[in-house]
C-alpha atoms as a PDB file:
ATOM      1  CA  MET A   1       6.935 -21.015   5.818  1.00  0.00           C
ATOM      2  CA  HIS A   2       7.425 -17.568   4.311  1.00  0.00           C
ATOM      3  CA  GLU A   3       5.143 -14.762   5.486  1.00  0.00           C
ATOM      4  CA  TRP A   4       4.061 -12.516   2.609  1.00  0.00           C
ATOM      5  CA  PRO A   5       3.774  -8.894   3.742  1.00  0.00           C
ATOM      6  CA  TRP A   6       0.842  -6.715   2.711  1.00  0.00           C
ATOM      7  CA  VAL A   7      -0.827  -3.501   3.813  1.00  0.00           C
ATOM      8  CA  GLY A   8      -4.410  -4.523   3.076  1.00  0.00           C
ATOM      9  CA  ALA A   9      -4.754  -2.797  -0.288  1.00  0.00           C
ATOM     10  CA  PHE A  10      -4.671  -3.948  -3.898  1.00  0.00           C
ATOM     11  CA  PHE A  11      -2.894  -1.650  -6.341  1.00  0.00           C
ATOM     12  CA  GLY A  12      -4.032  -1.533  -9.957  1.00  0.00           C
ATOM     13  CA  ASN A  13      -2.181  -1.492 -13.231  1.00  0.00           C
ATOM     14  CA  GLU A  14      -3.326   1.906 -14.470  1.00  0.00           C
ATOM     15  CA  GLY A  15      -0.543   3.817 -12.793  1.00  0.00           C
ATOM     16  CA  ALA A  16      -0.096   3.312  -9.068  1.00  0.00           C
ATOM     17  CA  PHE A  17      -3.695   3.661  -7.942  1.00  0.00           C
ATOM     18  CA  VAL A  18      -5.364   1.975  -4.993  1.00  0.00           C
ATOM     19  CA  GLU A  19      -7.982  -0.378  -6.459  1.00  0.00           C
ATOM     20  CA  GLN A  20      -9.359  -1.929  -3.280  1.00  0.00           C
ATOM     21  CA  VAL A  21      -8.885  -1.669   0.489  1.00  0.00           C
ATOM     22  CA  TRP A  22      -9.797  -4.544   2.813  1.00  0.00           C
ATOM     23  CA  ARG A  23     -11.530  -4.053   6.168  1.00  0.00           C
ATOM     24  CA  ASP A  24      -9.539  -4.386   9.390  1.00  0.00           C
ATOM     25  CA  THR A  25      -6.162  -3.871   7.716  1.00  0.00           C
ATOM     26  CA  SER A  26      -3.540  -1.187   8.220  1.00  0.00           C
ATOM     27  CA  ALA A  27      -4.544   0.525   4.951  1.00  0.00           C
ATOM     28  CA  ALA A  28      -8.195   0.703   6.046  1.00  0.00           C
ATOM     29  CA  GLU A  29      -7.357   1.862   9.567  1.00  0.00           C
ATOM     30  CA  ALA A  30      -5.102   4.616   8.201  1.00  0.00           C
ATOM     31  CA  GLY A  31      -7.842   5.881   5.884  1.00  0.00           C
ATOM     32  CA  MET A  32      -6.428   4.878   2.486  1.00  0.00           C
ATOM     33  CA  GLN A  33      -9.190   4.826  -0.144  1.00  0.00           C
ATOM     34  CA  PRO A  34      -9.737   3.347  -3.606  1.00  0.00           C
ATOM     35  CA  GLY A  35      -8.731   5.957  -6.162  1.00  0.00           C
ATOM     36  CA  ASP A  36      -5.795   7.268  -4.130  1.00  0.00           C
ATOM     37  CA  GLU A  37      -2.693   7.547  -6.322  1.00  0.00           C
ATOM     38  CA  VAL A  38       0.490   6.345  -4.659  1.00  0.00           C
ATOM     39  CA  LEU A  39       3.344   8.765  -5.376  1.00  0.00           C
ATOM     40  CA  GLU A  40       6.048   7.399  -3.078  1.00  0.00           C
ATOM     41  CA  VAL A  41       6.704   4.484  -0.758  1.00  0.00           C
ATOM     42  CA  ASN A  42       9.438   5.076   1.838  1.00  0.00           C
ATOM     43  CA  GLY A  43      10.649   8.074  -0.143  1.00  0.00           C
ATOM     44  CA  VAL A  44      10.971   6.131  -3.415  1.00  0.00           C
ATOM     45  CA  SER A  45       8.897   7.377  -6.360  1.00  0.00           C
ATOM     46  CA  VAL A  46       6.609   4.725  -7.819  1.00  0.00           C
ATOM     47  CA  LYS A  47       5.111   4.611 -11.313  1.00  0.00           C
ATOM     48  CA  ASN A  48       3.009   1.452 -11.198  1.00  0.00           C
ATOM     49  CA  GLU A  49       1.847  -1.386  -8.977  1.00  0.00           C
ATOM     50  CA  TYR A  50       5.028  -3.384  -9.629  1.00  0.00           C
ATOM     51  CA  ASP A  51       7.118  -0.633  -8.028  1.00  0.00           C
ATOM     52  CA  ILE A  52       4.842  -0.662  -4.965  1.00  0.00           C
ATOM     53  CA  TYR A  53       4.856  -4.452  -4.573  1.00  0.00           C
ATOM     54  CA  ARG A  54       8.634  -4.635  -5.069  1.00  0.00           C
ATOM     55  CA  ILE A  55       9.146  -2.267  -2.120  1.00  0.00           C
ATOM     56  CA  ILE A  56       6.583  -4.097   0.028  1.00  0.00           C
ATOM     57  CA  PHE A  57       8.145  -7.511  -0.672  1.00  0.00           C
ATOM     58  CA  ASN A  58      11.613  -6.187   0.205  1.00  0.00           C
ATOM     59  CA  HIS A  59      10.359  -5.631   3.755  1.00  0.00           C
ATOM     60  CA  SER A  60       9.057  -7.968   6.424  1.00  0.00           C
ATOM     61  CA  VAL A  61       5.818  -8.425   8.339  1.00  0.00           C
ATOM     62  CA  GLY A  62       5.913  -6.111  11.361  1.00  0.00           C
ATOM     63  CA  GLU A  63       7.790  -3.291   9.607  1.00  0.00           C
ATOM     64  CA  SER A  64       6.071  -0.025   8.676  1.00  0.00           C
ATOM     65  CA  LEU A  65       6.205   1.714   5.314  1.00  0.00           C
ATOM     66  CA  HIS A  66       5.578   5.401   4.616  1.00  0.00           C
ATOM     67  CA  PHE A  67       3.125   6.030   1.759  1.00  0.00           C
ATOM     68  CA  LEU A  68       2.663   9.413   0.077  1.00  0.00           C
ATOM     69  CA  VAL A  69      -0.567   9.532  -1.935  1.00  0.00           C
ATOM     70  CA  MET A  70      -2.553  12.026  -3.971  1.00  0.00           C
ATOM     71  CA  ARG A  71      -6.321  12.130  -3.427  1.00  0.00           C
ATOM     72  CA  ASP A  72      -8.676  13.659  -6.003  1.00  0.00           C
ATOM     73  CA  GLN A  73      -5.664  15.041  -7.899  1.00  0.00           C
ATOM     74  CA  LYS A  74      -5.352  17.868  -5.381  1.00  0.00           C
ATOM     75  CA  LYS A  75      -4.621  16.720  -1.841  1.00  0.00           C
ATOM     76  CA  GLN A  76      -1.448  14.938  -0.733  1.00  0.00           C
ATOM     77  CA  LEU A  77      -1.798  12.575   2.208  1.00  0.00           C
ATOM     78  CA  GLU A  78       0.761  10.567   4.135  1.00  0.00           C
ATOM     79  CA  PHE A  79       0.177   7.150   5.665  1.00  0.00           C
ATOM     80  CA  GLU A  80       2.366   5.013   7.892  1.00  0.00           C
ATOM     81  CA  LEU A  81       1.248   1.455   7.152  1.00  0.00           C
ATOM     82  CA  LEU A  82       2.205  -1.592   9.178  1.00  0.00           C
ATOM     83  CA  LEU A  83       3.032  -4.644   7.094  1.00  0.00           C
ATOM     84  CA  GLN A  84       0.731  -7.474   8.105  1.00  0.00           C
ATOM     85  CA  GLU A  85       0.851 -11.126   7.122  1.00  0.00           C
ATOM     86  CA  PHE A  86      -1.048 -11.822   3.927  1.00  0.00           C
ATOM     87  CA  PRO A  87      -4.156 -13.810   4.952  1.00  0.00           C
ATOM     88  CA  GLN A  88      -4.059 -17.529   4.197  1.00  0.00           C
ATOM     89  CA  GLN A  89      -6.594 -18.942   1.797  1.00  0.00           C
ATOM     90  CA  PRO A  90      -9.150 -21.215   3.503  1.00  0.00           C
END
């Protein structure tokens, strides 16, 4: 069975913004917040959520990805996020 990688955040379709962050995930533990704009993942510029998900899905659970984000349109932050297994539906 294929493990789907995720970082614990949902990225929205208005640009590459973080829409939601789930508790007890690598995104939450690193301090990523809703409203953060993702600029790059692993050094690759991203324009929308499809770019982000394409990079995530080209990696495997257990790998880490480097996220560069802009917070409040003024502060750049960097996160190293471990890819976790997407939780199974009950």
